[in-house]
Amino acid sequence: MAIFSVYVVNKAGGLIYQLDSYAPRAEAEKTFSYPLDLLLKLHDERVLVAFGQRDGIRVGHAVLAIMAMDVIRQRNTADGKSSGIEMLETDTFKLHCYQTLTGIKFVVLADPRQAGIDSLLRKIYEIYSDFALKNPFYSLEMPIRCELFDQNLKLALEVAEKAGTFGPGS
């Protein structure tokens, strides 16, 4: 499991911070029509090709995705209006967003199986408050260029990837 990227967006919609923390491995993508002339079996929580061969796919290869399905969850205000995206899920990643009362948005792209992202978003907000906002040289709405923010964010991402969570909620 992995956390791919972290973005911080100011209330005007400008990107003020970006961290790409994961370089995905190269994967080949193949599209086939139904019926498949491959036999697939579940083995150790992975789908493997058990019989057949087609376009370079052989017995023993793992199937990463069979069909894409997008799920979008939005926040709604008391009057029923949408206040922005909370989560977008695809077969290859989940995009999670946490919007503060001041309009700053924290966005995390992660592996769909990664747990504890809601806790991680709150931790990123805490790091932003402690190391960017309390920095006397930082101006609101401007790009974040703070060594302590970078170090603590990377440390939080490592902890989240290893432990999967920071506390209650995911």
Protein backbone atom coordinates (compact mmCIF):
# COMPACT_ATOMS: atom_id res chain seq x y z
CA MET A 1 0.00 0.00 0.00
CA ALA A 2 1.16 3.49 -0.69
CA ILE A 3 0.40 7.17 -0.61
CA PHE A 4 1.11 8.60 -4.04
CA SER A 5 0.81 12.38 -3.64
CA VAL A 6 -0.15 15.17 -1.26
CA TYR A 7 -1.47 18.55 -2.42
CA VAL A 8 -2.39 21.70 -0.52
CA VAL A 9 -4.72 24.11 -2.30
CA ASN A 10 -5.47 27.62 -1.06
CA LYS A 11 -9.01 29.04 -0.86
CA ALA A 12 -8.59 30.72 -4.25
CA GLY A 13 -7.88 27.33 -5.82
CA GLY A 14 -4.13 27.79 -6.27
CA LEU A 15 -1.73 24.93 -5.61
CA ILE A 16 0.52 25.99 -2.73
CA TYR A 17 2.20 22.65 -2.03
CA GLN A 18 2.80 19.40 -3.87
CA LEU A 19 4.64 16.28 -2.77
CA ASP A 20 4.90 13.20 -4.97
CA SER A 21 5.99 10.50 -2.57
CA TYR A 22 5.62 7.32 -4.59
CA ALA A 23 6.96 6.16 -7.95
CA PRO A 24 4.68 3.37 -9.17
CA ARG A 25 6.21 0.34 -10.81
CA ALA A 26 5.77 -0.08 -14.56
CA GLU A 27 2.72 -2.11 -15.42
CA ALA A 28 1.35 -3.24 -18.75
CA GLU A 29 -2.28 -2.49 -19.41
CA LYS A 30 -4.25 -4.82 -21.68
CA THR A 31 -7.89 -4.58 -22.68
CA PHE A 32 -9.81 -7.67 -23.75
CA SER A 33 -13.35 -8.34 -24.80
CA TYR A 34 -15.56 -10.90 -23.08
CA PRO A 35 -15.32 -13.93 -22.96
CA LEU A 36 -11.71 -14.20 -21.87
CA ASP A 37 -9.75 -17.17 -23.10
CA LEU A 38 -7.87 -17.13 -19.81
CA LEU A 39 -8.70 -18.98 -16.61
CA LEU A 40 -8.30 -16.81 -13.51
CA LYS A 41 -7.88 -18.11 -9.95
CA LEU A 42 -7.77 -16.37 -6.59
CA HIS A 43 -4.48 -17.04 -4.76
CA ASP A 44 -3.31 -15.20 -1.60
CA GLU A 45 -5.73 -12.29 -2.19
CA ARG A 46 -4.47 -11.88 -5.77
CA VAL A 47 -6.06 -12.89 -9.04
CA LEU A 48 -3.63 -14.97 -11.09
CA VAL A 49 -3.80 -16.42 -14.59
CA ALA A 50 -4.15 -20.18 -14.06
CA PHE A 51 -4.60 -21.33 -17.68
CA GLY A 52 -4.25 -19.76 -21.10
CA GLN A 53 -2.00 -17.29 -22.85
CA ARG A 54 -2.77 -14.14 -24.80
CA ASP A 55 -0.79 -11.07 -25.96
CA GLY A 56 2.11 -11.65 -23.56
CA ILE A 57 -0.09 -12.59 -20.59
CA ARG A 58 0.94 -16.01 -19.34
CA VAL A 59 0.20 -18.44 -16.54
CA GLY A 60 1.28 -16.95 -13.19
CA HIS A 61 0.78 -13.29 -14.12
CA ALA A 62 -1.27 -11.25 -11.65
CA VAL A 63 -4.38 -9.40 -12.79
CA LEU A 64 -4.50 -5.95 -11.17
CA ALA A 65 -7.94 -4.82 -12.31
CA ILE A 66 -10.78 -6.34 -14.22
CA MET A 67 -13.21 -3.43 -14.38
CA ALA A 68 -12.97 0.21 -13.33
CA MET A 69 -15.66 1.64 -11.08
CA ASP A 70 -15.67 5.24 -9.95
CA VAL A 71 -17.29 6.29 -6.70
CA ILE A 72 -17.56 9.94 -5.74
CA ARG A 73 -18.57 11.03 -2.25
CA GLN A 74 -19.36 14.70 -1.67
CA ARG A 75 -19.91 16.74 1.45
CA ASN A 76 -23.32 18.35 1.78
CA THR A 77 -24.10 21.44 3.80
CA ALA A 78 -27.14 21.78 6.09
CA ASP A 79 -29.17 23.30 3.24
CA GLY A 80 -28.41 20.28 1.01
CA LYS A 81 -25.89 22.00 -1.28
CA SER A 82 -22.59 20.33 -2.07
CA SER A 83 -19.54 21.88 -0.42
CA GLY A 84 -16.96 19.96 -2.44
CA ILE A 85 -15.52 16.55 -3.03
CA GLU A 86 -14.64 14.35 -0.07
CA MET A 87 -13.49 11.19 -1.86
CA LEU A 88 -13.14 9.87 -5.39
CA GLU A 89 -12.41 6.18 -5.83
CA THR A 90 -11.14 4.38 -8.93
CA ASP A 91 -9.65 0.94 -9.34
CA THR A 92 -6.09 2.35 -9.22
CA PHE A 93 -6.28 5.14 -6.60
CA LYS A 94 -8.45 6.99 -4.09
CA LEU A 95 -8.45 10.78 -3.93
CA HIS A 96 -9.30 12.07 -0.44
CA CYS A 97 -9.93 15.73 0.32
CA TYR A 98 -10.16 17.57 3.63
CA GLN A 99 -11.36 21.17 3.52
CA THR A 100 -10.78 23.42 6.51
CA LEU A 101 -13.17 26.13 7.69
CA THR A 102 -10.77 28.71 6.24
CA GLY A 103 -10.98 27.16 2.77
CA ILE A 104 -7.60 25.42 2.62
CA LYS A 105 -7.90 21.98 0.99
CA PHE A 106 -5.62 19.04 1.72
CA VAL A 107 -5.72 16.39 -0.99
CA VAL A 108 -4.15 12.92 -0.79
CA LEU A 109 -3.91 10.39 -3.62
CA ALA A 110 -3.43 6.89 -2.24
CA ASP A 111 -3.69 3.23 -3.03
CA PRO A 112 -7.36 2.15 -2.72
CA ARG A 113 -6.40 -0.34 0.01
CA GLN A 114 -4.54 2.25 2.14
CA ALA A 115 -6.29 2.69 5.49
CA GLY A 116 -6.30 5.70 7.78
CA ILE A 117 -6.40 8.47 5.17
CA ASP A 118 -8.93 10.60 7.08
CA SER A 119 -6.63 10.52 10.10
CA LEU A 120 -3.66 11.32 7.87
CA LEU A 121 -5.48 14.35 6.43
CA ARG A 122 -6.10 15.70 9.93
CA LYS A 123 -2.43 15.06 10.77
CA ILE A 124 -1.35 16.98 7.64
CA TYR A 125 -3.57 19.88 8.73
CA GLU A 126 -1.91 19.77 12.17
CA ILE A 127 1.55 19.80 10.54
CA TYR A 128 0.46 22.71 8.32
CA SER A 129 -0.74 24.62 11.39
CA ASP A 130 2.41 23.90 13.41
CA PHE A 131 5.11 24.36 10.78
CA ALA A 132 3.71 26.62 8.05
CA LEU A 133 1.23 28.93 9.79
CA LYS A 134 3.47 29.46 12.83
CA ASN A 135 6.47 30.21 10.63
CA PRO A 136 7.03 34.00 10.75
CA PHE A 137 8.34 33.98 7.16
CA TYR A 138 5.26 32.26 5.69
CA SER A 139 2.57 34.40 4.05
CA LEU A 140 -0.97 33.04 3.83
CA GLU A 141 -2.10 31.82 0.41
CA MET A 142 1.51 31.64 -0.81
CA PRO A 143 3.49 28.49 -1.71
CA ILE A 144 4.75 26.56 1.32
CA ARG A 145 8.55 26.54 1.44
CA CYS A 146 9.40 25.34 4.91
CA GLU A 147 11.96 22.64 5.66
CA LEU A 148 10.27 21.58 8.92
CA PHE A 149 6.92 21.21 7.13
CA ASP A 150 8.56 18.99 4.48
CA GLN A 151 10.36 16.83 7.05
CA ASN A 152 7.32 16.32 9.28
CA LEU A 153 5.01 15.64 6.34
CA LYS A 154 7.36 12.98 4.95
CA LEU A 155 7.63 11.42 8.40
CA ALA A 156 3.81 11.36 8.73
CA LEU A 157 3.51 9.70 5.31
CA GLU A 158 6.03 7.02 6.29
CA VAL A 159 4.14 6.32 9.52
CA ALA A 160 0.81 6.20 7.67
CA GLU A 161 2.11 3.78 5.05
CA LYS A 162 3.62 1.44 7.64
CA ALA A 163 0.91 1.59 10.32
CA GLY A 164 -2.04 2.34 8.09
CA THR A 165 -3.59 4.82 10.52
CA PHE A 166 -3.03 7.61 13.04
CA GLY A 167 -5.99 6.81 15.25
CA PRO A 168 -9.75 6.52 15.00
CA GLY A 169 -11.30 6.95 11.56
CA SER A 170 -9.97 5.97 8.18
